């Protein structure tokens, strides 16, 4: 017993020194979340009351949680600070927030073509190929990061859509659901691919009708891990003219395609910022089964996997690299309808320098790399010039990029007359990436392909 007391007496000073190397989180205080539920924000953080954190890791922990909250796209500005530091190394963390503008009742003015570059160069900037309408989107409908979208669209494609997703509905915030109701008609459609270009047919009659009903469940057992399972019903109807022009459009000269689909997805998302990452990695793998023999419209199974890795380097971390690999593999080696055979060139999968081409196939793979140098990183204060408070402070980043892409599309059934299928493709060039308000990205790129064709191409990604 005496020996034990001597040991405790001897080690006690070292214990006190060790205690000073750690801090304890007493409380977390949120400011500025007028609509967003506090529980919704806490679900995205990896620090909570009662946590013990190594003092040397405190700054990194605050920065990491700042990025995690920004990734919700619910806020334009997020700042974590130590609000109070007590003598016993117990602290209070303050989370200062500026919420996004969540309601977007926006008029629709969007291009019907695959991308801006096709519309500009091949369709002569025709306003007949523009969709008009109204889209009402609420990105935080009840304050739980639930998204509601209503679409009424006219013009080139008539479309009506109702979409709702709720990230969680149980106490543990691990279970969520989503549902989608969709109906669209088109008077002109691409019925075949020739020379890796879409050929279109249309008149005053409806050439294609699409209807879809979807319900899905989401499971998020850990902060960065997601599972989802969805059940879908599809009903697609083409005109008799399309069935005659391309008997393989739905196969066997059919004018209707009905099927039930089931999809399971597994995701690990460790990116620092999802809309324009600079650090971390991302994995998404989806197993899809289209058709269960009930309607005999289609019978296919695919595995679709994406892996992306991001690095920063340099003394001020102004350099970063992006590496993306993606592969789509048909597990049934049987002919699929032309309408369901889409690979490279359709959103979101394309190779730089091939924006004007369509490379169809049952399978594809590609690697896309970018070396990026940060040129601008600042907050732009619009002041009273912006009537909406949420838009007055605009986070802005601008990057110079060097891009290099390699890809391959396998098309065993519809490759005749399409020389870009069943061969390796290369494209790349330089670009300028502009990121505003965290989640709005514009990419202006000058790219080449293996044919040494070149041009200026525009890509964009907006949350709304």
Protein backbone atom coordinates (compact mmCIF):
# COMPACT_ATOMS: atom_id res chain seq x y z
CA UNK A 1 0.00 0.00 0.00
CA UNK A 2 2.83 2.36 0.91
CA UNK A 3 4.56 1.54 -2.39
CA UNK A 4 1.34 2.37 -4.28
CA UNK A 5 1.05 5.77 -2.54
CA UNK A 6 4.64 6.61 -3.44
CA UNK A 7 3.94 5.76 -7.10
CA UNK A 8 0.82 7.98 -7.13
CA UNK A 9 2.72 10.81 -5.43
CA UNK A 10 5.54 10.54 -7.98
CA UNK A 11 3.26 10.46 -11.09
CA UNK A 12 0.76 13.13 -9.98
CA UNK A 13 2.73 16.11 -11.41
CA UNK A 14 3.01 14.34 -14.77
CA UNK A 15 -0.73 13.70 -14.71
CA UNK A 16 -1.37 17.43 -14.21
CA UNK A 17 0.88 18.31 -17.16
CA UNK A 18 -0.88 15.74 -19.34
CA UNK A 19 -4.25 17.21 -18.40
CA UNK A 20 -3.14 20.61 -19.75
CA UNK A 21 -2.59 19.03 -23.16
CA UNK A 22 -6.31 18.30 -23.54
CA UNK A 23 -9.48 20.35 -23.51
CA UNK A 24 -13.06 19.31 -22.78
CA UNK A 25 -16.05 20.66 -24.73
CA UNK A 26 -18.61 21.89 -22.22
CA UNK A 27 -21.15 23.26 -24.70
CA UNK A 28 -21.72 24.20 -28.36
CA UNK A 29 -23.65 27.40 -29.08
CA UNK A 30 -25.23 28.05 -32.51
CA UNK A 31 -25.90 31.54 -33.87
CA UNK A 32 -27.67 32.48 -37.10
CA UNK A 33 -29.65 29.30 -37.81
CA UNK A 34 -33.05 30.95 -37.95
CA UNK A 35 -34.70 28.15 -39.95
CA UNK A 36 -32.36 25.19 -39.71
CA UNK A 37 -32.96 22.90 -36.75
CA UNK A 38 -30.03 22.67 -34.37
CA UNK A 39 -30.27 18.87 -34.44
CA UNK A 40 -29.77 18.95 -38.22
CA UNK A 41 -26.49 20.84 -37.83
CA UNK A 42 -25.28 18.63 -35.00
CA UNK A 43 -25.89 15.54 -37.18
CA UNK A 44 -23.18 16.77 -39.56
CA UNK A 45 -20.54 17.44 -36.89
CA UNK A 46 -18.00 15.07 -35.40
CA UNK A 47 -17.63 16.98 -32.15
CA UNK A 48 -20.16 17.22 -29.33
CA UNK A 49 -20.49 18.20 -25.67
CA UNK A 50 -18.34 16.08 -23.35
CA UNK A 51 -15.68 15.33 -25.99
CA UNK A 52 -12.03 15.47 -24.96
CA UNK A 53 -9.76 16.87 -27.68
CA UNK A 54 -5.97 17.08 -27.79
CA UNK A 55 -4.98 20.71 -27.60
CA UNK A 56 -2.78 20.44 -30.68
CA UNK A 57 -5.76 19.08 -32.67
CA UNK A 58 -8.23 21.79 -31.66
CA UNK A 59 -7.65 24.08 -34.64
CA UNK A 60 -7.91 21.20 -37.11
CA UNK A 61 -11.07 19.96 -35.41
CA UNK A 62 -12.74 23.36 -35.71
CA UNK A 63 -11.74 23.69 -39.39
CA UNK A 64 -12.94 20.17 -40.15
CA UNK A 65 -16.35 20.81 -38.61
CA UNK A 66 -16.61 24.10 -40.45
CA UNK A 67 -16.22 22.20 -43.73
CA UNK A 68 -18.70 19.52 -42.63
CA UNK A 69 -21.37 22.13 -41.98
CA UNK A 70 -20.63 23.93 -45.26
CA UNK A 71 -21.13 20.62 -47.07
CA UNK A 72 -24.81 20.70 -46.20
CA UNK A 73 -25.09 23.66 -48.66
CA UNK A 74 -27.49 25.20 -46.13
CA UNK A 75 -25.08 28.03 -45.28
CA UNK A 76 -22.91 30.47 -47.20
CA UNK A 77 -20.69 31.31 -44.22
CA UNK A 78 -19.68 29.11 -41.29
CA UNK A 79 -17.21 30.00 -38.56
CA UNK A 80 -16.30 27.96 -35.46
CA UNK A 81 -14.51 29.62 -32.57
CA UNK A 82 -13.76 29.03 -28.91
CA UNK A 83 -16.26 31.26 -27.15
CA UNK A 84 -15.11 30.67 -23.58
CA UNK A 85 -12.00 29.03 -22.15
CA UNK A 86 -12.17 28.17 -18.46
CA UNK A 87 -9.20 27.67 -16.15
CA UNK A 88 -9.78 23.92 -16.01
CA UNK A 89 -9.42 23.65 -19.83
CA UNK A 90 -13.16 23.36 -20.37
CA UNK A 91 -14.35 25.34 -23.39
CA UNK A 92 -17.47 26.54 -25.18
CA UNK A 93 -17.53 26.33 -28.98
CA UNK A 94 -19.53 28.96 -30.87
CA UNK A 95 -20.84 28.23 -34.36
CA UNK A 96 -21.67 31.41 -36.29
CA UNK A 97 -23.77 30.81 -39.40
CA UNK A 98 -25.21 32.68 -42.34
CA UNK A 99 -28.02 30.71 -43.93
CA UNK A 100 -28.47 30.30 -47.65
CA UNK A 101 -31.50 31.58 -49.47
CA UNK A 102 -33.57 28.39 -49.45
CA UNK A 103 -36.58 29.19 -51.65
CA UNK A 104 -36.01 29.46 -55.38
CA UNK A 105 -39.21 30.16 -57.36
CA UNK A 106 -37.21 30.43 -60.57
CA UNK A 107 -38.33 30.69 -64.17
CA UNK A 108 -36.87 27.88 -66.26
CA UNK A 109 -34.71 28.90 -69.19
CA UNK A 110 -32.48 25.95 -69.94
CA UNK A 111 -31.10 24.18 -72.96
CA UNK A 112 -32.64 20.92 -74.10
CA UNK A 113 -29.39 19.68 -75.63
CA UNK A 114 -26.76 17.61 -73.87
CA UNK A 115 -24.62 20.63 -73.06
CA UNK A 116 -24.13 24.28 -73.88
CA UNK A 117 -21.44 23.51 -76.46
CA UNK A 118 -23.72 21.31 -78.60
CA UNK A 119 -26.48 23.93 -78.54
CA UNK A 120 -24.09 26.71 -79.46
CA UNK A 121 -22.19 25.01 -82.32
CA UNK A 122 -24.50 22.35 -83.77
CA UNK A 123 -27.98 23.69 -83.13
CA UNK A 124 -27.15 27.26 -84.16
CA UNK A 125 -28.23 28.69 -80.81
CA UNK A 126 -31.83 27.91 -81.70
CA UNK A 127 -34.35 29.22 -79.17
CA UNK A 128 -36.69 26.44 -80.28
CA UNK A 129 -34.44 24.09 -78.31
CA UNK A 130 -34.95 25.94 -75.04
CA UNK A 131 -37.13 24.80 -72.16
CA UNK A 132 -39.31 27.38 -70.40
CA UNK A 133 -41.38 27.06 -67.27
CA UNK A 134 -41.27 27.46 -63.51
CA UNK A 135 -39.37 25.47 -60.91
CA UNK A 136 -40.09 25.95 -57.23
CA UNK A 137 -37.40 24.48 -55.01
CA UNK A 138 -37.13 24.66 -51.25
CA UNK A 139 -33.83 23.30 -49.94
CA UNK A 140 -34.77 23.39 -46.27
CA UNK A 141 -38.53 22.87 -46.26
CA UNK A 142 -39.02 22.11 -42.55
CA UNK A 143 -35.56 23.09 -41.31
CA UNK A 144 -34.35 19.47 -41.47
CA UNK A 145 -32.43 19.81 -44.73
CA UNK A 146 -35.40 18.30 -46.55
CA UNK A 147 -35.73 19.25 -50.20
CA UNK A 148 -39.00 19.88 -52.05
CA UNK A 149 -39.04 20.49 -55.79
CA UNK A 150 -42.02 21.25 -58.05
CA UNK A 151 -41.46 21.66 -61.79
CA UNK A 152 -43.76 22.78 -64.58
CA UNK A 153 -41.92 23.04 -67.86
CA UNK A 154 -42.86 23.83 -71.45
CA UNK A 155 -40.97 24.44 -74.67
CA UNK A 156 -38.82 21.75 -76.27
CA UNK A 157 -39.64 19.26 -73.52
CA UNK A 158 -42.83 19.42 -71.50
CA UNK A 159 -42.20 18.17 -67.99
CA UNK A 160 -44.02 17.92 -64.68
CA UNK A 161 -42.18 16.71 -61.60
CA UNK A 162 -42.67 16.42 -57.87
CA UNK A 163 -39.64 15.47 -55.79
CA UNK A 164 -39.23 15.34 -52.02
CA UNK A 165 -36.43 13.99 -49.84
CA UNK A 166 -36.09 13.90 -46.04
CA UNK A 167 -32.63 13.02 -44.67
CA UNK A 168 -33.96 11.57 -41.43
CA UNK A 169 -37.23 10.80 -39.68
CA UNK A 170 -36.14 8.71 -36.68
CA UNK A 171 -34.68 9.80 -33.35
CA UNK A 172 -31.17 8.56 -34.18
CA UNK A 173 -31.26 10.51 -37.48
CA UNK A 174 -30.14 7.45 -39.43
CA UNK A 175 -33.22 6.75 -41.60
CA UNK A 176 -34.61 8.95 -44.37
CA UNK A 177 -36.70 8.63 -47.50
CA UNK A 178 -37.28 10.21 -50.90
CA UNK A 179 -40.05 10.09 -53.46
CA UNK A 180 -40.38 11.26 -57.05
CA UNK A 181 -43.24 11.59 -59.53
CA UNK A 182 -42.26 12.49 -63.10
CA UNK A 183 -44.03 12.93 -66.45
CA UNK A 184 -42.58 14.36 -69.68
CA UNK A 185 -43.34 14.56 -73.40
CA UNK A 186 -41.15 15.45 -76.39
CA UNK A 187 -42.06 16.29 -79.97
CA UNK A 188 -38.49 15.75 -81.19
CA UNK A 189 -36.07 13.10 -79.95
CA UNK A 190 -32.79 11.52 -80.90
CA UNK A 191 -33.68 8.15 -82.34
CA UNK A 192 -30.23 6.89 -83.36
CA UNK A 193 -26.51 7.74 -83.15
CA UNK A 194 -24.49 8.16 -86.35
CA UNK A 195 -20.86 9.32 -86.58
CA UNK A 196 -21.10 9.73 -82.79
CA UNK A 197 -23.79 12.39 -83.23
CA UNK A 198 -27.47 12.25 -82.35
CA UNK A 199 -29.90 12.18 -85.26
CA UNK A 200 -33.28 13.73 -84.46
CA UNK A 201 -36.80 13.18 -85.69
CA UNK A 202 -39.78 15.32 -84.87
CA UNK A 203 -42.98 16.96 -86.06
CA UNK A 204 -46.11 18.38 -84.44
CA UNK A 205 -46.91 15.06 -82.79
CA UNK A 206 -45.54 13.77 -79.48
CA UNK A 207 -42.70 11.35 -80.20
CA UNK A 208 -41.89 10.20 -76.68
CA UNK A 209 -43.69 10.06 -73.33
CA UNK A 210 -41.93 9.25 -70.05
CA UNK A 211 -43.59 8.49 -66.73
CA UNK A 212 -41.78 7.49 -63.55
CA UNK A 213 -42.76 6.76 -59.97
CA UNK A 214 -40.02 6.30 -57.41
CA UNK A 215 -39.77 5.66 -53.67
CA UNK A 216 -36.54 5.18 -51.79
CA UNK A 217 -35.13 4.67 -48.31
CA UNK A 218 -31.83 6.05 -47.03
CA UNK A 219 -29.70 4.73 -44.18
CA UNK A 220 -26.82 6.69 -42.67
CA UNK A 221 -25.25 4.71 -39.81
CA UNK A 222 -22.12 6.88 -39.63
CA UNK A 223 -21.25 10.46 -40.44
CA UNK A 224 -19.57 9.70 -43.77
CA UNK A 225 -21.34 6.46 -44.78
CA UNK A 226 -24.63 6.26 -46.71
CA UNK A 227 -26.83 3.46 -48.00
CA UNK A 228 -29.89 3.89 -50.22
CA UNK A 229 -32.42 1.51 -51.73
CA UNK A 230 -35.05 2.60 -54.24
CA UNK A 231 -37.90 1.00 -56.16
CA UNK A 232 -39.00 2.58 -59.45
CA UNK A 233 -41.70 2.09 -62.04
CA UNK A 234 -41.03 3.34 -65.59
CA UNK A 235 -43.48 3.67 -68.48
CA UNK A 236 -41.96 4.97 -71.73
CA UNK A 237 -43.93 5.26 -74.97
CA UNK A 238 -42.51 6.15 -78.40
CA UNK A 239 -44.40 6.97 -81.57
CA UNK A 240 -44.79 4.40 -84.31
CA UNK A 241 -42.50 6.55 -86.47
CA UNK A 242 -39.62 6.14 -84.00
CA UNK A 243 -40.18 2.38 -83.83
CA UNK A 244 -39.95 2.21 -87.64
CA UNK A 245 -36.91 4.46 -87.93
CA UNK A 246 -35.03 2.44 -85.31
CA UNK A 247 -36.52 -0.98 -84.48
CA UNK A 248 -33.96 -1.28 -81.66
CA UNK A 249 -35.10 1.91 -79.95
CA UNK A 250 -37.02 -0.26 -77.45
CA UNK A 251 -35.99 -3.52 -79.21
CA UNK A 252 -38.18 -5.63 -81.51
CA UNK A 253 -39.81 -2.54 -83.03
CA UNK A 254 -41.74 -2.01 -79.78
CA UNK A 255 -43.34 1.36 -79.16
CA UNK A 256 -43.72 0.95 -75.39
CA UNK A 257 -41.30 0.08 -72.64
CA UNK A 258 -42.48 -0.66 -69.11
CA UNK A 259 -40.33 -2.02 -66.33
CA UNK A 260 -39.70 -2.05 -62.59
CA UNK A 261 -36.23 -1.12 -61.39
CA UNK A 262 -34.44 -1.52 -58.09
CA UNK A 263 -31.25 0.29 -57.15
CA UNK A 264 -28.92 -0.03 -54.19
CA UNK A 265 -26.17 2.54 -53.56
CA UNK A 266 -23.28 2.61 -51.11
CA UNK A 267 -21.42 5.87 -50.49
CA UNK A 268 -18.43 6.99 -48.45
CA UNK A 269 -17.94 10.74 -48.67
CA UNK A 270 -14.82 12.21 -47.02
CA UNK A 271 -14.45 15.29 -49.25
CA UNK A 272 -13.78 18.60 -47.53
CA UNK A 273 -16.25 20.47 -49.78
CA UNK A 274 -18.57 18.42 -51.96
CA UNK A 275 -19.21 20.88 -54.79
CA UNK A 276 -15.53 21.71 -55.33
CA UNK A 277 -13.32 19.44 -53.19
CA UNK A 278 -9.63 20.00 -52.56
CA UNK A 279 -9.00 17.31 -49.94
CA UNK A 280 -10.38 13.86 -49.14
CA UNK A 281 -11.97 11.08 -51.17
CA UNK A 282 -15.34 9.95 -52.45
CA UNK A 283 -16.70 6.48 -53.26
CA UNK A 284 -20.09 5.74 -54.79
CA UNK A 285 -21.14 2.30 -56.02
CA UNK A 286 -24.61 1.54 -57.37
CA UNK A 287 -26.04 -1.85 -58.32
CA UNK A 288 -29.12 -1.53 -60.55
CA UNK A 289 -31.59 -4.11 -61.80
CA UNK A 290 -33.88 -2.95 -64.61
CA UNK A 291 -36.75 -5.29 -65.32
CA UNK A 292 -37.99 -8.27 -63.29
CA UNK A 293 -39.78 -10.15 -66.07
CA UNK A 294 -43.19 -8.66 -65.29
CA UNK A 295 -43.54 -6.41 -68.35
CA UNK A 296 -40.64 -7.78 -70.48
CA UNK A 297 -39.65 -4.26 -71.54
CA UNK A 298 -36.03 -4.54 -70.48
CA UNK A 299 -33.77 -6.96 -68.65
CA UNK A 300 -30.47 -5.55 -67.47
CA UNK A 301 -28.18 -5.29 -64.48
CA UNK A 302 -25.38 -2.77 -64.06
CA UNK A 303 -22.67 -1.91 -61.58
CA UNK A 304 -21.75 1.77 -61.60
CA UNK A 305 -18.78 2.86 -59.46
CA UNK A 306 -17.04 6.20 -58.96
CA UNK A 307 -13.92 6.85 -56.92
CA UNK A 308 -12.41 10.32 -56.53
CA UNK A 309 -9.32 11.44 -54.61
CA UNK A 310 -8.22 15.01 -53.86
CA UNK A 311 -4.89 16.38 -52.59
CA UNK A 312 -3.55 19.80 -51.60
CA UNK A 313 0.12 20.71 -51.55
CA UNK A 314 2.43 23.69 -51.47
CA UNK A 315 3.39 25.91 -48.55
CA UNK A 316 0.04 27.75 -48.58
CA UNK A 317 -2.00 24.83 -49.91
CA UNK A 318 -2.87 26.78 -53.06
CA UNK A 319 -2.16 23.78 -55.30
CA UNK A 320 -4.54 20.85 -55.47
CA UNK A 321 -5.18 17.81 -57.65
CA UNK A 322 -8.35 15.98 -58.60
CA UNK A 323 -8.34 12.33 -59.67
CA UNK A 324 -11.62 10.67 -60.70
CA UNK A 325 -12.15 7.11 -61.88
CA UNK A 326 -15.56 5.87 -63.00
CA UNK A 327 -16.75 2.62 -64.52
CA UNK A 328 -20.14 1.35 -65.66
CA UNK A 329 -20.37 -2.39 -66.30
CA UNK A 330 -23.30 -4.40 -67.66
CA UNK A 331 -23.49 -7.70 -65.85
CA UNK A 332 -25.81 -9.20 -68.49
CA UNK A 333 -24.06 -9.53 -71.84
CA UNK A 334 -27.23 -9.28 -73.88
CA UNK A 335 -28.48 -6.58 -76.19
CA UNK A 336 -30.11 -3.65 -74.47
CA UNK A 337 -32.50 -1.14 -76.08
CA UNK A 338 -30.83 1.77 -77.84
CA UNK A 339 -32.78 4.15 -75.58
CA UNK A 340 -31.07 2.70 -72.50
CA UNK A 341 -27.54 2.51 -73.94
CA UNK A 342 -25.87 5.74 -72.87
CA UNK A 343 -22.23 6.17 -71.97
CA UNK A 344 -19.95 9.11 -72.62
CA UNK A 345 -21.23 12.45 -73.81
CA UNK A 346 -24.47 12.43 -71.87
CA UNK A 347 -24.64 14.21 -68.53
CA UNK A 348 -22.80 13.88 -66.23
CA UNK A 349 -20.24 11.66 -67.97
CA UNK A 350 -18.05 13.27 -70.63
CA UNK A 351 -14.41 13.54 -71.63
CA UNK A 352 -12.89 16.95 -72.14
CA UNK A 353 -12.51 17.73 -75.82
CA UNK A 354 -15.38 15.38 -76.80
CA UNK A 355 -18.28 17.59 -75.68
CA UNK A 356 -19.69 17.59 -79.23
CA UNK A 357 -19.73 13.79 -79.48
CA UNK A 358 -21.83 10.96 -78.09
CA UNK A 359 -20.02 7.69 -77.38
CA UNK A 360 -22.74 5.13 -76.65
CA UNK A 361 -22.17 1.72 -75.14
CA UNK A 362 -23.17 -0.85 -72.56
CA UNK A 363 -19.95 -0.34 -70.58
CA UNK A 364 -17.46 2.47 -70.12
CA UNK A 365 -14.56 3.55 -67.96
CA UNK A 366 -12.58 6.77 -67.67
CA UNK A 367 -9.99 8.59 -65.60
CA UNK A 368 -10.15 12.38 -65.27
CA UNK A 369 -7.34 14.37 -63.67
CA UNK A 370 -6.91 18.07 -62.94
CA UNK A 371 -4.03 20.06 -61.52
CA UNK A 372 -5.41 23.27 -59.98
CA UNK A 373 -3.81 26.52 -58.76
CA UNK A 374 -5.84 28.86 -56.59
CA UNK A 375 -5.78 32.42 -57.97
CA UNK A 376 -8.47 34.13 -55.88
CA UNK A 377 -10.02 33.26 -52.52
CA UNK A 378 -12.02 36.05 -50.93
CA UNK A 379 -15.44 37.20 -49.81
CA UNK A 380 -17.12 39.75 -52.07
CA UNK A 381 -19.39 42.17 -50.21
CA UNK A 382 -22.18 43.35 -52.52
CA UNK A 383 -23.66 45.49 -49.76
CA UNK A 384 -26.96 47.14 -50.56
CA UNK A 385 -26.51 46.25 -54.24
CA UNK A 386 -28.02 42.87 -53.29
CA UNK A 387 -31.62 43.23 -52.08
CA UNK A 388 -31.47 39.74 -50.51
CA UNK A 389 -29.39 39.61 -47.35
CA UNK A 390 -28.22 36.02 -47.92
CA UNK A 391 -26.52 37.04 -51.19
CA UNK A 392 -24.69 40.13 -49.94
CA UNK A 393 -21.54 38.25 -48.90
CA UNK A 394 -20.35 36.05 -51.78
CA UNK A 395 -17.49 33.59 -51.10
CA UNK A 396 -15.51 33.50 -54.35
CA UNK A 397 -12.67 31.24 -55.48
CA UNK A 398 -11.01 31.15 -58.89
CA UNK A 399 -8.65 28.37 -60.02
CA UNK A 400 -6.40 27.85 -63.04
CA UNK A 401 -6.55 24.19 -64.12
CA UNK A 402 -4.58 21.76 -66.27
CA UNK A 403 -6.77 18.81 -67.31
CA UNK A 404 -6.11 15.34 -68.70
CA UNK A 405 -8.78 12.67 -69.44
CA UNK A 406 -8.61 9.09 -70.75
CA UNK A 407 -11.65 6.89 -71.40
CA UNK A 408 -13.13 3.92 -73.25
CA UNK A 409 -16.71 2.99 -74.19
CA UNK A 410 -17.64 -0.58 -75.15
CA UNK A 411 -20.52 -0.85 -77.63
CA UNK A 412 -20.97 -4.37 -79.04
CA UNK A 413 -24.41 -3.69 -80.58
CA UNK A 414 -24.63 -0.13 -81.96
CA UNK A 415 -21.04 0.65 -82.96
CA UNK A 416 -21.53 0.65 -86.77
CA UNK A 417 -20.84 4.11 -88.10
CA UNK A 418 -19.58 5.36 -84.71
CA UNK A 419 -15.77 5.39 -84.87
CA UNK A 420 -15.21 6.70 -81.33
CA UNK A 421 -16.64 3.60 -79.68
CA UNK A 422 -14.52 0.56 -78.81
CA UNK A 423 -11.27 2.52 -78.69
CA UNK A 424 -9.30 4.49 -76.14
CA UNK A 425 -9.89 8.23 -76.16
CA UNK A 426 -7.77 11.08 -74.81
CA UNK A 427 -8.67 14.70 -74.15
CA UNK A 428 -7.39 17.58 -72.09
CA UNK A 429 -6.38 21.21 -71.93
CA UNK A 430 -6.45 24.23 -69.64
CA UNK A 431 -9.32 25.87 -67.83
CA UNK A 432 -10.60 28.44 -65.40
CA UNK A 433 -12.88 27.28 -62.58
CA UNK A 434 -15.04 29.83 -60.77
CA UNK A 435 -16.75 28.86 -57.49
CA UNK A 436 -19.29 31.25 -55.97
CA UNK A 437 -21.51 30.93 -52.89
CA UNK A 438 -19.87 27.56 -52.06
CA UNK A 439 -22.04 25.46 -54.43
CA UNK A 440 -22.19 27.27 -57.78
CA UNK A 441 -19.41 26.26 -60.17
CA UNK A 442 -18.61 27.54 -63.68
CA UNK A 443 -15.82 25.94 -65.73
CA UNK A 444 -14.41 27.61 -68.84
CA UNK A 445 -12.06 25.21 -70.62
CA UNK A 446 -9.97 25.17 -73.79
CA UNK A 447 -9.62 21.49 -74.66
CA UNK A 448 -8.15 19.12 -77.28
CA UNK A 449 -8.99 15.53 -78.18
CA UNK A 450 -7.00 12.74 -79.85
CA UNK A 451 -8.10 14.03 -83.29
CA UNK A 452 -6.46 17.36 -82.34
CA UNK A 453 -9.80 19.04 -82.58
CA UNK A 454 -9.94 21.91 -80.13
CA UNK A 455 -12.32 24.51 -78.83
CA UNK A 456 -13.59 26.58 -75.93
CA UNK A 457 -16.14 24.70 -73.79
CA UNK A 458 -18.40 25.81 -70.96
CA UNK A 459 -19.66 23.65 -68.06
CA UNK A 460 -21.63 24.74 -65.04
CA UNK A 461 -23.21 23.29 -61.91
CA UNK A 462 -25.72 25.28 -59.90
CA UNK A 463 -27.58 23.96 -56.87
CA UNK A 464 -30.85 25.49 -58.00
